[in-house]
Amino acid sequence: MRYFIHLGFDGTQYSGWQKQDNTRNTVQEIVEHTLQIIFKKNIVVYGCGRTDAGVHASWYILHINLDEAPAFDLKYRLNKNLPDDIAVFDVVQVSENQHARYSAISRTYDYFIHWKKDPVLIRYSNFYEDVTLDIELMKQACALIQATTDCKPLCKQPELYDNTLCQISACTLFVNADQGRMRFTITSNRFLRGMVRYCIYFLVKVGSGELTLDEFNHPQQRPFLTPEATGTPPWPLFESCRISLSVISGFSPAAPMDENRIGIRASRILLYNVYIRFREGKNIRKLKEPY
């Protein structure tokens, strides 16, 4: 029997989602250890994607396979045993052909920055102090990103991939000038390592006048710097996973973020979100909103 588990985590103390040979301090390792405590045997979890060290998630989907339905409230047991920085919001039985990673057909990432000092946002948002940004130029750069098919110039390690082709279907900026906040949203069938952070770095360079649109549109003219060197850190990144009614029978998508949801909303911080659409399946009900 297969189950989707919807969870969220604060990634500050973790070395990313996926298990690694050189550390046990990953979210996947913690979740699998917790399942082992509950079921008294090894349970392998399959996540919807990877996250870098320090990256958070408000919507993350993983799946597990069980021999039989639990005779107890699995969500309750998980939350009682998981650390405070990992929370399970729902457990949903799905059909055997549903896969948390391979059934996904599109993903959307949101990255938030702010340029007015705010002690609440400082841990979870990228703060650009004393920077004047040309929003219209940045929106034109977003259109250029959306038109890009070979995303090699936006990848930290392109040598890791057989190809660097991506189908970007949306790329948008939402700005709240009064609050001094901005949300960058991008949707694609796949994302390469460092891709979102590279986009943010070059967009800010365009907005500040340090990079022209022509230079932005011709990668060979751009300076090559890693996000770590350019002040585009991982800790403002949040990942989330949504399932769409249009692609899965019985599922209803959560309402998309509008222009007013740019920072903190009802004590909830959403800075980096991944909305994942899954291929059609059966016996899937709506996941609950975590907040």
C-alpha atoms as a PDB file:
ATOM      1  CA  MET A   1       0.000   0.000   0.000  1.00  0.00           C
ATOM      2  CA  ARG A   2       1.338   3.414  -0.955  1.00  0.00           C
ATOM      3  CA  TYR A   3       0.903   6.632   1.009  1.00  0.00           C
ATOM      4  CA  PHE A   4       1.737  10.255   0.279  1.00  0.00           C
ATOM      5  CA  ILE A   5       2.941  12.137   3.360  1.00  0.00           C
ATOM      6  CA  HIS A   6       2.666  15.918   3.295  1.00  0.00           C
ATOM      7  CA  LEU A   7       5.148  17.604   5.615  1.00  0.00           C
ATOM      8  CA  GLY A   8       7.022  20.831   6.230  1.00  0.00           C
ATOM      9  CA  PHE A   9      10.379  21.535   7.813  1.00  0.00           C
ATOM     10  CA  ASP A  10      12.704  24.283   8.923  1.00  0.00           C
ATOM     11  CA  GLY A  11      15.943  23.346   7.175  1.00  0.00           C
ATOM     12  CA  THR A  12      18.241  25.615   9.189  1.00  0.00           C
ATOM     13  CA  GLN A  13      19.893  22.735  11.046  1.00  0.00           C
ATOM     14  CA  TYR A  14      19.854  20.211   8.190  1.00  0.00           C
ATOM     15  CA  SER A  15      22.163  19.399   5.299  1.00  0.00           C
ATOM     16  CA  GLY A  16      19.261  19.252   2.872  1.00  0.00           C
ATOM     17  CA  TRP A  17      16.505  16.696   2.246  1.00  0.00           C
ATOM     18  CA  GLN A  18      18.341  13.755   0.705  1.00  0.00           C
ATOM     19  CA  LYS A  19      20.448  11.233   2.608  1.00  0.00           C
ATOM     20  CA  GLN A  20      24.196  11.646   2.189  1.00  0.00           C
ATOM     21  CA  ASP A  21      27.213   9.452   2.826  1.00  0.00           C
ATOM     22  CA  ASN A  22      29.096  12.057   4.837  1.00  0.00           C
ATOM     23  CA  THR A  23      26.328  13.061   7.273  1.00  0.00           C
ATOM     24  CA  ARG A  24      23.206  11.714   8.921  1.00  0.00           C
ATOM     25  CA  ASN A  25      21.877  15.213   9.473  1.00  0.00           C
ATOM     26  CA  THR A  26      19.321  15.264   6.639  1.00  0.00           C
ATOM     27  CA  VAL A  27      15.539  15.460   6.724  1.00  0.00           C
ATOM     28  CA  GLN A  28      15.168  12.149   4.893  1.00  0.00           C
ATOM     29  CA  GLU A  29      17.405  10.431   7.455  1.00  0.00           C
ATOM     30  CA  ILE A  30      15.349  11.835  10.334  1.00  0.00           C
ATOM     31  CA  VAL A  31      12.022  10.822   8.765  1.00  0.00           C
ATOM     32  CA  GLU A  32      13.213   7.289   7.982  1.00  0.00           C
ATOM     33  CA  HIS A  33      14.573   6.893  11.509  1.00  0.00           C
ATOM     34  CA  THR A  34      11.223   8.031  12.928  1.00  0.00           C
ATOM     35  CA  LEU A  35       9.335   5.540  10.738  1.00  0.00           C
ATOM     36  CA  GLN A  36      11.698   2.803  11.909  1.00  0.00           C
ATOM     37  CA  ILE A  37      10.816   3.615  15.525  1.00  0.00           C
ATOM     38  CA  ILE A  38       7.088   3.487  14.727  1.00  0.00           C
ATOM     39  CA  PHE A  39       7.018   0.340  12.574  1.00  0.00           C
ATOM     40  CA  LYS A  40       9.995  -1.492  14.142  1.00  0.00           C
ATOM     41  CA  LYS A  41      11.542  -2.030  10.706  1.00  0.00           C
ATOM     42  CA  ASN A  42      13.219  -0.054   7.923  1.00  0.00           C
ATOM     43  CA  ILE A  43      10.857   2.060   5.811  1.00  0.00           C
ATOM     44  CA  VAL A  44      12.333   3.779   2.743  1.00  0.00           C
ATOM     45  CA  VAL A  45      10.902   7.187   1.865  1.00  0.00           C
ATOM     46  CA  TYR A  46      10.856   8.720  -1.625  1.00  0.00           C
ATOM     47  CA  GLY A  47      10.775  12.523  -1.781  1.00  0.00           C
ATOM     48  CA  CYS A  48       9.368  14.821  -4.451  1.00  0.00           C
ATOM     49  CA  GLY A  49      12.757  16.491  -4.906  1.00  0.00           C
ATOM     50  CA  ARG A  50      15.985  17.622  -3.292  1.00  0.00           C
ATOM     51  CA  THR A  51      16.694  20.689  -1.188  1.00  0.00           C
ATOM     52  CA  ASP A  52      20.041  22.278  -0.443  1.00  0.00           C
ATOM     53  CA  ALA A  53      21.448  22.685   3.050  1.00  0.00           C
ATOM     54  CA  GLY A  54      19.556  25.318   5.015  1.00  0.00           C
ATOM     55  CA  VAL A  55      16.523  25.322   2.703  1.00  0.00           C
ATOM     56  CA  HIS A  56      13.070  25.114   4.282  1.00  0.00           C
ATOM     57  CA  ALA A  57       9.811  23.562   3.090  1.00  0.00           C
ATOM     58  CA  SER A  58       6.189  24.357   3.833  1.00  0.00           C
ATOM     59  CA  TRP A  59       4.762  21.874   1.299  1.00  0.00           C
ATOM     60  CA  TYR A  60       6.824  18.759   0.736  1.00  0.00           C
ATOM     61  CA  ILE A  61       5.481  15.402  -0.486  1.00  0.00           C
ATOM     62  CA  LEU A  62       7.111  12.019   0.061  1.00  0.00           C
ATOM     63  CA  HIS A  63       5.731   8.532  -0.365  1.00  0.00           C
ATOM     64  CA  ILE A  64       6.190   5.267   1.503  1.00  0.00           C
ATOM     65  CA  ASN A  65       5.132   1.668   0.841  1.00  0.00           C
ATOM     66  CA  LEU A  66       3.518  -0.402   3.600  1.00  0.00           C
ATOM     67  CA  ASP A  67       2.424  -4.041   3.666  1.00  0.00           C
ATOM     68  CA  GLU A  68      -0.897  -3.104   5.258  1.00  0.00           C
ATOM     69  CA  ALA A  69      -2.831  -0.069   6.442  1.00  0.00           C
ATOM     70  CA  PRO A  70      -1.674   1.192   9.859  1.00  0.00           C
ATOM     71  CA  ALA A  71      -4.030   0.365  12.720  1.00  0.00           C
ATOM     72  CA  PHE A  72      -3.228   3.723  14.310  1.00  0.00           C
ATOM     73  CA  ASP A  73      -3.138   7.413  13.392  1.00  0.00           C
ATOM     74  CA  LEU A  74       0.147   7.610  11.481  1.00  0.00           C
ATOM     75  CA  LYS A  75       0.095  11.395  11.271  1.00  0.00           C
ATOM     76  CA  TYR A  76      -0.225  11.628  15.062  1.00  0.00           C
ATOM     77  CA  ARG A  77       2.542   9.090  15.689  1.00  0.00           C
ATOM     78  CA  LEU A  78       4.897  10.845  13.281  1.00  0.00           C
ATOM     79  CA  ASN A  79       4.351  14.264  14.841  1.00  0.00           C
ATOM     80  CA  LYS A  80       4.868  12.872  18.352  1.00  0.00           C
ATOM     81  CA  ASN A  81       8.236  11.389  17.369  1.00  0.00           C
ATOM     82  CA  LEU A  82       9.611  13.918  14.876  1.00  0.00           C
ATOM     83  CA  PRO A  83      11.642  16.909  16.107  1.00  0.00           C
ATOM     84  CA  ASP A  84       9.922  20.283  16.418  1.00  0.00           C
ATOM     85  CA  ASP A  85      11.350  21.566  13.137  1.00  0.00           C
ATOM     86  CA  ILE A  86       9.622  18.829  11.081  1.00  0.00           C
ATOM     87  CA  ALA A  87       5.814  18.576  10.973  1.00  0.00           C
ATOM     88  CA  VAL A  88       3.434  16.216   9.166  1.00  0.00           C
ATOM     89  CA  PHE A  89       0.240  17.841   7.896  1.00  0.00           C
ATOM     90  CA  ASP A  90      -1.489  14.899   6.232  1.00  0.00           C
ATOM     91  CA  VAL A  91      -1.128  11.231   5.258  1.00  0.00           C
ATOM     92  CA  VAL A  92      -3.016  10.140   2.128  1.00  0.00           C
ATOM     93  CA  GLN A  93      -3.356   6.675   0.618  1.00  0.00           C
ATOM     94  CA  VAL A  94      -2.681   6.734  -3.138  1.00  0.00           C
ATOM     95  CA  SER A  95      -2.647   4.252  -5.987  1.00  0.00           C
ATOM     96  CA  GLU A  96       0.457   2.135  -6.544  1.00  0.00           C
ATOM     97  CA  ASN A  97       1.354   3.986  -9.758  1.00  0.00           C
ATOM     98  CA  GLN A  98       1.704   7.342  -8.006  1.00  0.00           C
ATOM     99  CA  HIS A  99       5.284   8.433  -7.276  1.00  0.00           C
ATOM    100  CA  ALA A 100       6.245  11.499  -5.267  1.00  0.00           C
ATOM    101  CA  ARG A 101       9.006  12.408  -7.718  1.00  0.00           C
ATOM    102  CA  TYR A 102       8.430  10.732 -11.066  1.00  0.00           C
ATOM    103  CA  SER A 103       4.717  11.476 -11.289  1.00  0.00           C
ATOM    104  CA  ALA A 104       5.381  15.211 -11.085  1.00  0.00           C
ATOM    105  CA  ILE A 105       5.083  17.093 -14.384  1.00  0.00           C
ATOM    106  CA  SER A 106       5.695  20.709 -13.323  1.00  0.00           C
ATOM    107  CA  ARG A 107       7.114  22.666 -10.416  1.00  0.00           C
ATOM    108  CA  THR A 108       6.816  26.283  -9.317  1.00  0.00           C
ATOM    109  CA  TYR A 109       9.333  28.036  -7.105  1.00  0.00           C
ATOM    110  CA  ASP A 110       8.838  31.313  -5.237  1.00  0.00           C
ATOM    111  CA  TYR A 111      11.816  33.288  -3.929  1.00  0.00           C
ATOM    112  CA  PHE A 112      11.267  36.304  -1.682  1.00  0.00           C
ATOM    113  CA  ILE A 113      13.543  39.252  -1.008  1.00  0.00           C
ATOM    114  CA  HIS A 114      13.073  42.496   0.907  1.00  0.00           C
ATOM    115  CA  TRP A 115      14.863  45.832   0.993  1.00  0.00           C
ATOM    116  CA  LYS A 116      13.340  47.375   4.137  1.00  0.00           C
ATOM    117  CA  LYS A 117      14.927  46.122   7.330  1.00  0.00           C
ATOM    118  CA  ASP A 118      12.583  43.767   9.197  1.00  0.00           C
ATOM    119  CA  PRO A 119      13.690  41.695  12.212  1.00  0.00           C
ATOM    120  CA  VAL A 120      10.994  39.095  11.545  1.00  0.00           C
ATOM    121  CA  LEU A 121      12.059  38.466   7.944  1.00  0.00           C
ATOM    122  CA  ILE A 122      15.816  38.614   8.397  1.00  0.00           C
ATOM    123  CA  ARG A 123      16.252  34.866   9.064  1.00  0.00           C
ATOM    124  CA  TYR A 124      14.096  33.775   6.157  1.00  0.00           C
ATOM    125  CA  SER A 125      14.360  36.449   3.479  1.00  0.00           C
ATOM    126  CA  ASN A 126      17.242  37.838   1.455  1.00  0.00           C
ATOM    127  CA  PHE A 127      17.831  41.436   2.561  1.00  0.00           C
ATOM    128  CA  TYR A 128      19.138  43.885  -0.049  1.00  0.00           C
ATOM    129  CA  GLU A 129      20.046  47.060   1.819  1.00  0.00           C
ATOM    130  CA  ASP A 130      20.351  50.449   0.114  1.00  0.00           C
ATOM    131  CA  VAL A 131      19.493  49.052  -3.322  1.00  0.00           C
ATOM    132  CA  THR A 132      17.255  50.853  -5.821  1.00  0.00           C
ATOM    133  CA  LEU A 133      15.748  48.413  -8.282  1.00  0.00           C
ATOM    134  CA  ASP A 134      14.203  49.091 -11.695  1.00  0.00           C
ATOM    135  CA  ILE A 135      11.218  46.764 -11.470  1.00  0.00           C
ATOM    136  CA  GLU A 136      10.219  47.166 -15.117  1.00  0.00           C
ATOM    137  CA  LEU A 137      13.675  46.100 -16.316  1.00  0.00           C
ATOM    138  CA  MET A 138      13.527  43.123 -13.993  1.00  0.00           C
ATOM    139  CA  LYS A 139      10.145  42.118 -15.428  1.00  0.00           C
ATOM    140  CA  GLN A 140      11.626  42.296 -18.929  1.00  0.00           C
ATOM    141  CA  ALA A 141      14.440  40.039 -17.730  1.00  0.00           C
ATOM    142  CA  CYS A 142      11.808  37.619 -16.397  1.00  0.00           C
ATOM    143  CA  ALA A 143      10.332  37.434 -19.899  1.00  0.00           C
ATOM    144  CA  LEU A 144      13.788  36.544 -21.232  1.00  0.00           C
ATOM    145  CA  ILE A 145      14.115  33.792 -18.617  1.00  0.00           C
ATOM    146  CA  GLN A 146      10.743  32.365 -19.611  1.00  0.00           C
ATOM    147  CA  ALA A 147      11.853  32.255 -23.240  1.00  0.00           C
ATOM    148  CA  THR A 148      15.012  30.330 -22.314  1.00  0.00           C
ATOM    149  CA  THR A 149      15.104  26.634 -23.194  1.00  0.00           C
ATOM    150  CA  ASP A 150      18.741  25.733 -22.531  1.00  0.00           C
ATOM    151  CA  CYS A 151      19.311  26.769 -18.923  1.00  0.00           C
ATOM    152  CA  LYS A 152      22.999  25.887 -18.723  1.00  0.00           C
ATOM    153  CA  PRO A 153      23.962  29.535 -17.937  1.00  0.00           C
ATOM    154  CA  LEU A 154      21.566  29.394 -14.977  1.00  0.00           C
ATOM    155  CA  CYS A 155      22.972  26.166 -13.535  1.00  0.00           C
ATOM    156  CA  LYS A 156      25.642  25.890 -10.843  1.00  0.00           C
ATOM    157  CA  GLN A 157      26.951  22.507 -12.043  1.00  0.00           C
ATOM    158  CA  PRO A 158      25.744  21.784 -15.605  1.00  0.00           C
ATOM    159  CA  GLU A 159      28.219  18.914 -15.884  1.00  0.00           C
ATOM    160  CA  LEU A 160      25.946  16.890 -13.584  1.00  0.00           C
ATOM    161  CA  TYR A 161      23.249  16.610 -16.267  1.00  0.00           C
ATOM    162  CA  ASP A 162      22.923  14.801 -19.574  1.00  0.00           C
ATOM    163  CA  ASN A 163      21.191  17.951 -20.844  1.00  0.00           C
ATOM    164  CA  THR A 164      20.206  21.307 -19.404  1.00  0.00           C
ATOM    165  CA  LEU A 165      16.955  21.813 -21.301  1.00  0.00           C
ATOM    166  CA  CYS A 166      13.999  23.107 -19.280  1.00  0.00           C
ATOM    167  CA  GLN A 167      10.443  23.973 -20.285  1.00  0.00           C
ATOM    168  CA  ILE A 168       9.784  27.214 -18.399  1.00  0.00           C
ATOM    169  CA  SER A 169       6.089  28.018 -18.638  1.00  0.00           C
ATOM    170  CA  ALA A 170       5.910  31.043 -16.319  1.00  0.00           C
ATOM    171  CA  CYS A 171       8.296  33.591 -14.802  1.00  0.00           C
ATOM    172  CA  THR A 172       6.846  36.556 -12.902  1.00  0.00           C
ATOM    173  CA  LEU A 173       7.676  39.235 -10.343  1.00  0.00           C
ATOM    174  CA  PHE A 174       5.180  40.375  -7.706  1.00  0.00           C
ATOM    175  CA  VAL A 175       6.138  43.555  -5.871  1.00  0.00           C
ATOM    176  CA  ASN A 176       4.807  45.327  -2.784  1.00  0.00           C
ATOM    177  CA  ALA A 177       6.709  48.596  -2.867  1.00  0.00           C
ATOM    178  CA  ASP A 178       5.113  49.946   0.338  1.00  0.00           C
ATOM    179  CA  GLN A 179       6.328  46.972   2.361  1.00  0.00           C
ATOM    180  CA  GLY A 180       9.604  46.735   0.465  1.00  0.00           C
ATOM    181  CA  ARG A 181       9.108  43.099  -0.560  1.00  0.00           C
ATOM    182  CA  MET A 182       9.258  41.139  -3.784  1.00  0.00           C
ATOM    183  CA  ARG A 183       8.331  37.621  -4.864  1.00  0.00           C
ATOM    184  CA  PHE A 184       9.909  35.914  -7.857  1.00  0.00           C
ATOM    185  CA  THR A 185       7.851  33.016  -9.237  1.00  0.00           C
ATOM    186  CA  ILE A 186       9.015  30.538 -11.851  1.00  0.00           C
ATOM    187  CA  THR A 187       7.347  27.378 -13.207  1.00  0.00           C
ATOM    188  CA  SER A 188       9.118  24.665 -15.179  1.00  0.00           C
ATOM    189  CA  ASN A 189       9.026  20.950 -15.824  1.00  0.00           C
ATOM    190  CA  ARG A 190      12.398  20.664 -14.048  1.00  0.00           C
ATOM    191  CA  PHE A 191      14.979  22.786 -12.260  1.00  0.00           C
ATOM    192  CA  LEU A 192      18.754  22.520 -12.316  1.00  0.00           C
ATOM    193  CA  ARG A 193      21.056  22.932  -9.355  1.00  0.00           C
ATOM    194  CA  GLY A 194      21.231  26.556  -8.210  1.00  0.00           C
ATOM    195  CA  MET A 195      18.893  27.669 -10.994  1.00  0.00           C
ATOM    196  CA  VAL A 196      16.491  29.797  -8.928  1.00  0.00           C
ATOM    197  CA  ARG A 197      19.284  31.481  -6.991  1.00  0.00           C
ATOM    198  CA  TYR A 198      21.140  32.275 -10.216  1.00  0.00           C
ATOM    199  CA  CYS A 199      17.959  33.831 -11.608  1.00  0.00           C
ATOM    200  CA  ILE A 200      17.601  36.021  -8.525  1.00  0.00           C
ATOM    201  CA  TYR A 201      21.223  37.136  -8.655  1.00  0.00           C
ATOM    202  CA  PHE A 202      21.083  38.201 -12.295  1.00  0.00           C
ATOM    203  CA  LEU A 203      17.653  39.830 -11.894  1.00  0.00           C
ATOM    204  CA  VAL A 204      18.960  42.010  -9.068  1.00  0.00           C
ATOM    205  CA  LYS A 205      21.993  42.911 -11.198  1.00  0.00           C
ATOM    206  CA  VAL A 206      19.648  43.988 -13.999  1.00  0.00           C
ATOM    207  CA  GLY A 207      17.401  45.919 -11.621  1.00  0.00           C
ATOM    208  CA  SER A 208      20.331  47.753 -10.041  1.00  0.00           C
ATOM    209  CA  GLY A 209      21.802  48.703 -13.436  1.00  0.00           C
ATOM    210  CA  GLU A 210      24.947  46.591 -13.063  1.00  0.00           C
ATOM    211  CA  LEU A 211      23.882  44.322 -15.925  1.00  0.00           C
ATOM    212  CA  THR A 212      22.101  45.376 -19.112  1.00  0.00           C
ATOM    213  CA  LEU A 213      19.274  43.401 -20.661  1.00  0.00           C
ATOM    214  CA  ASP A 214      21.507  42.670 -23.636  1.00  0.00           C
ATOM    215  CA  GLU A 215      24.218  41.272 -21.375  1.00  0.00           C
ATOM    216  CA  PHE A 216      21.603  39.293 -19.484  1.00  0.00           C
ATOM    217  CA  ASN A 217      20.295  37.843 -22.734  1.00  0.00           C
ATOM    218  CA  HIS A 218      23.793  36.828 -23.862  1.00  0.00           C
ATOM    219  CA  PRO A 219      25.267  34.555 -21.192  1.00  0.00           C
ATOM    220  CA  GLN A 220      28.789  34.761 -22.587  1.00  0.00           C
ATOM    221  CA  GLN A 221      28.818  38.437 -21.564  1.00  0.00           C
ATOM    222  CA  ARG A 222      27.785  37.779 -17.970  1.00  0.00           C
ATOM    223  CA  PRO A 223      30.241  37.539 -15.070  1.00  0.00           C
ATOM    224  CA  PHE A 224      30.405  33.989 -13.718  1.00  0.00           C
ATOM    225  CA  LEU A 225      29.980  33.910  -9.966  1.00  0.00           C
ATOM    226  CA  THR A 226      28.413  31.300  -7.707  1.00  0.00           C
ATOM    227  CA  PRO A 227      25.397  32.235  -5.590  1.00  0.00           C
ATOM    228  CA  GLU A 228      27.521  31.810  -2.457  1.00  0.00           C
ATOM    229  CA  ALA A 229      29.862  34.511  -3.770  1.00  0.00           C
ATOM    230  CA  THR A 230      27.060  36.814  -4.873  1.00  0.00           C
ATOM    231  CA  GLY A 231      25.038  37.012  -1.684  1.00  0.00           C
ATOM    232  CA  THR A 232      22.169  34.759  -2.797  1.00  0.00           C
ATOM    233  CA  PRO A 233      22.087  32.431   0.225  1.00  0.00           C
ATOM    234  CA  PRO A 234      20.058  29.255   0.765  1.00  0.00           C
ATOM    235  CA  TRP A 235      18.360  30.157   4.052  1.00  0.00           C
ATOM    236  CA  PRO A 236      15.630  32.347   2.465  1.00  0.00           C
ATOM    237  CA  LEU A 237      14.497  29.354   0.411  1.00  0.00           C
ATOM    238  CA  PHE A 238      11.278  27.520   1.195  1.00  0.00           C
ATOM    239  CA  GLU A 239      10.002  24.550  -0.766  1.00  0.00           C
ATOM    240  CA  SER A 240       6.415  23.371  -1.002  1.00  0.00           C
ATOM    241  CA  CYS A 241       4.468  20.824  -2.978  1.00  0.00           C
ATOM    242  CA  ARG A 242       0.916  21.117  -4.277  1.00  0.00           C
ATOM    243  CA  ILE A 243      -1.219  18.603  -6.139  1.00  0.00           C
ATOM    244  CA  SER A 244      -3.546  19.824  -8.867  1.00  0.00           C
ATOM    245  CA  LEU A 245      -7.121  18.696  -9.528  1.00  0.00           C
ATOM    246  CA  SER A 246      -6.495  19.106 -13.225  1.00  0.00           C
ATOM    247  CA  VAL A 247      -4.055  16.203 -13.252  1.00  0.00           C
ATOM    248  CA  ILE A 248      -5.190  13.929 -10.411  1.00  0.00           C
ATOM    249  CA  SER A 249      -8.706  12.636  -9.969  1.00  0.00           C
ATOM    250  CA  GLY A 250     -10.078  13.630  -6.594  1.00  0.00           C
ATOM    251  CA  PHE A 251      -7.504  16.283  -5.815  1.00  0.00           C
ATOM    252  CA  SER A 252      -8.268  19.967  -5.416  1.00  0.00           C
ATOM    253  CA  PRO A 253      -5.410  22.440  -5.701  1.00  0.00           C
ATOM    254  CA  ALA A 254      -4.829  25.073  -3.081  1.00  0.00           C
ATOM    255  CA  ALA A 255      -5.448  28.628  -4.213  1.00  0.00           C
ATOM    256  CA  PRO A 256      -2.357  30.093  -5.895  1.00  0.00           C
ATOM    257  CA  MET A 257      -0.502  32.863  -4.158  1.00  0.00           C
ATOM    258  CA  ASP A 258      -1.749  36.289  -5.192  1.00  0.00           C
ATOM    259  CA  GLU A 259       0.106  39.605  -5.291  1.00  0.00           C
ATOM    260  CA  ASN A 260      -0.789  40.345  -1.657  1.00  0.00           C
ATOM    261  CA  ARG A 261       0.905  37.193  -0.381  1.00  0.00           C
ATOM    262  CA  ILE A 262       4.444  38.461  -0.661  1.00  0.00           C
ATOM    263  CA  GLY A 263       5.824  37.908   2.805  1.00  0.00           C
ATOM    264  CA  ILE A 264       4.318  37.119   6.179  1.00  0.00           C
ATOM    265  CA  ARG A 265       0.617  36.232   6.128  1.00  0.00           C
ATOM    266  CA  ALA A 266      -1.197  35.243   9.308  1.00  0.00           C
ATOM    267  CA  SER A 267       2.139  34.464  11.022  1.00  0.00           C
ATOM    268  CA  ARG A 268       3.140  32.257   8.084  1.00  0.00           C
ATOM    269  CA  ILE A 269       6.327  32.921   6.136  1.00  0.00           C
ATOM    270  CA  LEU A 270       6.417  31.626   2.581  1.00  0.00           C
ATOM    271  CA  LEU A 271       9.618  32.475   0.847  1.00  0.00           C
ATOM    272  CA  TYR A 272      10.426  29.638  -1.479  1.00  0.00           C
ATOM    273  CA  ASN A 273       7.651  27.386  -2.691  1.00  0.00           C
ATOM    274  CA  VAL A 274       7.437  24.473  -5.046  1.00  0.00           C
ATOM    275  CA  TYR A 275       4.022  23.595  -6.422  1.00  0.00           C
ATOM    276  CA  ILE A 276       4.162  20.203  -8.067  1.00  0.00           C
ATOM    277  CA  ARG A 277       1.550  18.935 -10.494  1.00  0.00           C
ATOM    278  CA  PHE A 278       1.165  15.160 -10.649  1.00  0.00           C
ATOM    279  CA  ARG A 279       0.036  12.861 -13.403  1.00  0.00           C
ATOM    280  CA  GLU A 280      -3.488  11.478 -13.270  1.00  0.00           C
ATOM    281  CA  GLY A 281      -4.161   8.888 -10.597  1.00  0.00           C
ATOM    282  CA  LYS A 282      -6.928   7.437  -8.471  1.00  0.00           C
ATOM    283  CA  ASN A 283      -8.041   7.319  -4.851  1.00  0.00           C
ATOM    284  CA  ILE A 284      -6.396  10.591  -3.891  1.00  0.00           C
ATOM    285  CA  ARG A 285      -8.189  13.101  -1.740  1.00  0.00           C
ATOM    286  CA  LYS A 286      -7.376  16.742  -1.112  1.00  0.00           C
ATOM    287  CA  LEU A 287      -4.380  17.511   1.065  1.00  0.00           C
ATOM    288  CA  LYS A 288      -5.151  19.922   3.850  1.00  0.00           C
ATOM    289  CA  GLU A 289      -3.616  23.387   3.983  1.00  0.00           C
ATOM    290  CA  PRO A 290      -0.923  23.356   6.685  1.00  0.00           C
ATOM    291  CA  TYR A 291      -1.809  26.806   8.010  1.00  0.00           C
END
